[in-house]
Amino acid sequence: MIFLNIYSPLEQFYVIPIVKIPVLNFIITNELVIIFVFFLFFIFLFYSMVKPSTQSFYVIPNRWQLGLLYLYKFISYLISTNIGGAKGQKYLPFFFHYFCMFYF
């Protein structure tokens, strides 16, 4: 007899405790780990755009800043052509956030 493990697609949304600390009443879950990884990534992204000697942003864009600028222009172009010019630009922050969170 062959047993097949059939998994539900909704299992990716389960919050599973990884480490329990009963003294502090604190639980580290898989969601907390993912949020922490994204937080570290965005901190790295921010510090990679800062000039180390003066702790200020580069005046001449480096690769990270150009990449984010092109991504912003691309999403702005998609919104203006599909939603309709200036009327659709009020939705730009929402779609930019959505695109960055779900496609990267």
Protein backbone atom coordinates (compact mmCIF):
# COMPACT_ATOMS: atom_id res chain seq x y z
CA MET A 1 0.00 0.00 0.00
CA ILE A 2 1.40 3.41 -0.99
CA PHE A 3 0.76 6.37 1.26
CA LEU A 4 0.71 9.73 -0.43
CA ASN A 5 1.19 12.88 1.56
CA ILE A 6 -1.19 15.36 0.04
CA TYR A 7 -0.52 18.84 1.30
CA SER A 8 -2.92 21.71 1.24
CA PRO A 9 -1.83 24.95 -0.46
CA LEU A 10 -3.00 26.76 2.67
CA GLU A 11 -0.21 25.20 4.73
CA GLN A 12 2.10 28.01 3.68
CA PHE A 13 0.04 30.38 5.83
CA TYR A 14 0.20 28.32 9.02
CA VAL A 15 1.92 30.02 11.93
CA ILE A 16 4.10 27.36 13.50
CA PRO A 17 5.94 27.90 16.79
CA ILE A 18 9.67 27.24 16.44
CA VAL A 19 11.05 28.14 19.88
CA LYS A 20 9.06 28.62 23.07
CA ILE A 21 10.48 30.63 25.95
CA PRO A 22 8.13 29.96 28.87
CA VAL A 23 9.90 32.28 31.34
CA LEU A 24 9.24 35.34 29.18
CA ASN A 25 5.99 33.99 27.72
CA PHE A 26 7.49 34.51 24.26
CA ILE A 27 7.22 32.30 21.18
CA ILE A 28 9.36 32.58 18.05
CA THR A 29 7.26 31.54 15.06
CA ASN A 30 7.98 31.05 11.38
CA GLU A 31 6.26 34.36 10.64
CA LEU A 32 8.56 36.22 13.03
CA VAL A 33 11.61 34.68 11.36
CA ILE A 34 10.41 35.74 7.89
CA ILE A 35 9.69 39.28 9.07
CA PHE A 36 13.15 39.44 10.66
CA VAL A 37 14.82 38.26 7.43
CA PHE A 38 12.97 40.93 5.41
CA PHE A 39 13.89 43.54 8.01
CA LEU A 40 17.58 42.61 7.73
CA PHE A 41 17.34 42.71 3.94
CA PHE A 42 15.88 46.22 3.93
CA ILE A 43 18.45 47.42 6.47
CA PHE A 44 21.17 46.02 4.19
CA LEU A 45 19.52 47.70 1.21
CA PHE A 46 19.42 51.02 3.03
CA TYR A 47 23.03 50.87 4.20
CA SER A 48 24.24 49.84 0.76
CA MET A 49 22.93 53.17 -0.55
CA VAL A 50 24.71 55.27 2.11
CA LYS A 51 28.19 56.63 1.48
CA PRO A 52 30.38 55.24 4.30
CA SER A 53 32.68 58.23 4.75
CA THR A 54 30.03 60.92 5.19
CA GLN A 55 27.01 58.79 6.17
CA SER A 56 24.92 60.52 3.50
CA PHE A 57 23.19 59.28 0.39
CA TYR A 58 25.12 59.23 -2.83
CA VAL A 59 24.53 62.20 -5.13
CA ILE A 60 25.51 60.09 -8.12
CA PRO A 61 23.28 57.01 -8.00
CA ASN A 62 24.90 53.64 -7.53
CA ARG A 63 23.47 50.34 -8.81
CA TRP A 64 20.98 49.88 -5.97
CA GLN A 65 19.52 53.34 -6.38
CA LEU A 66 19.31 52.97 -10.16
CA GLY A 67 17.59 49.63 -9.76
CA LEU A 68 14.99 51.06 -7.40
CA LEU A 69 14.50 54.09 -9.64
CA TYR A 70 13.94 51.91 -12.71
CA LEU A 71 11.54 49.73 -10.73
CA TYR A 72 9.61 52.83 -9.63
CA LYS A 73 9.48 54.18 -13.20
CA PHE A 74 8.37 50.79 -14.53
CA ILE A 75 5.49 50.51 -12.05
CA SER A 76 4.53 54.14 -12.66
CA TYR A 77 4.44 53.48 -16.41
CA LEU A 78 2.30 50.36 -15.91
CA ILE A 79 -0.18 52.28 -13.77
CA SER A 80 -0.40 55.26 -16.11
CA THR A 81 -1.01 53.09 -19.18
CA ASN A 82 -3.40 50.59 -17.61
CA ILE A 83 -5.35 52.63 -15.07
CA GLY A 84 -5.37 55.96 -16.82
CA GLY A 85 -2.83 58.75 -16.52
CA ALA A 86 -2.86 61.08 -13.52
CA LYS A 87 -6.02 59.49 -12.14
CA GLY A 88 -4.19 56.23 -11.52
CA GLN A 89 -1.09 57.81 -9.96
CA LYS A 90 -2.83 58.10 -6.59
CA TYR A 91 -2.61 54.28 -6.41
CA LEU A 92 1.14 54.22 -7.11
CA PRO A 93 2.30 53.72 -3.47
CA PHE A 94 -0.07 50.79 -3.03
CA PHE A 95 0.98 49.06 -6.24
CA PHE A 96 4.67 49.77 -5.66
CA HIS A 97 4.47 48.20 -2.21
CA TYR A 98 2.44 45.27 -3.56
CA PHE A 99 4.90 44.67 -6.39
CA CYS A 100 7.95 44.82 -4.14
CA MET A 101 6.50 42.57 -1.45
CA PHE A 102 5.00 39.86 -3.63
CA TYR A 103 7.33 39.73 -6.59
CA PHE A 104 10.65 39.94 -4.76
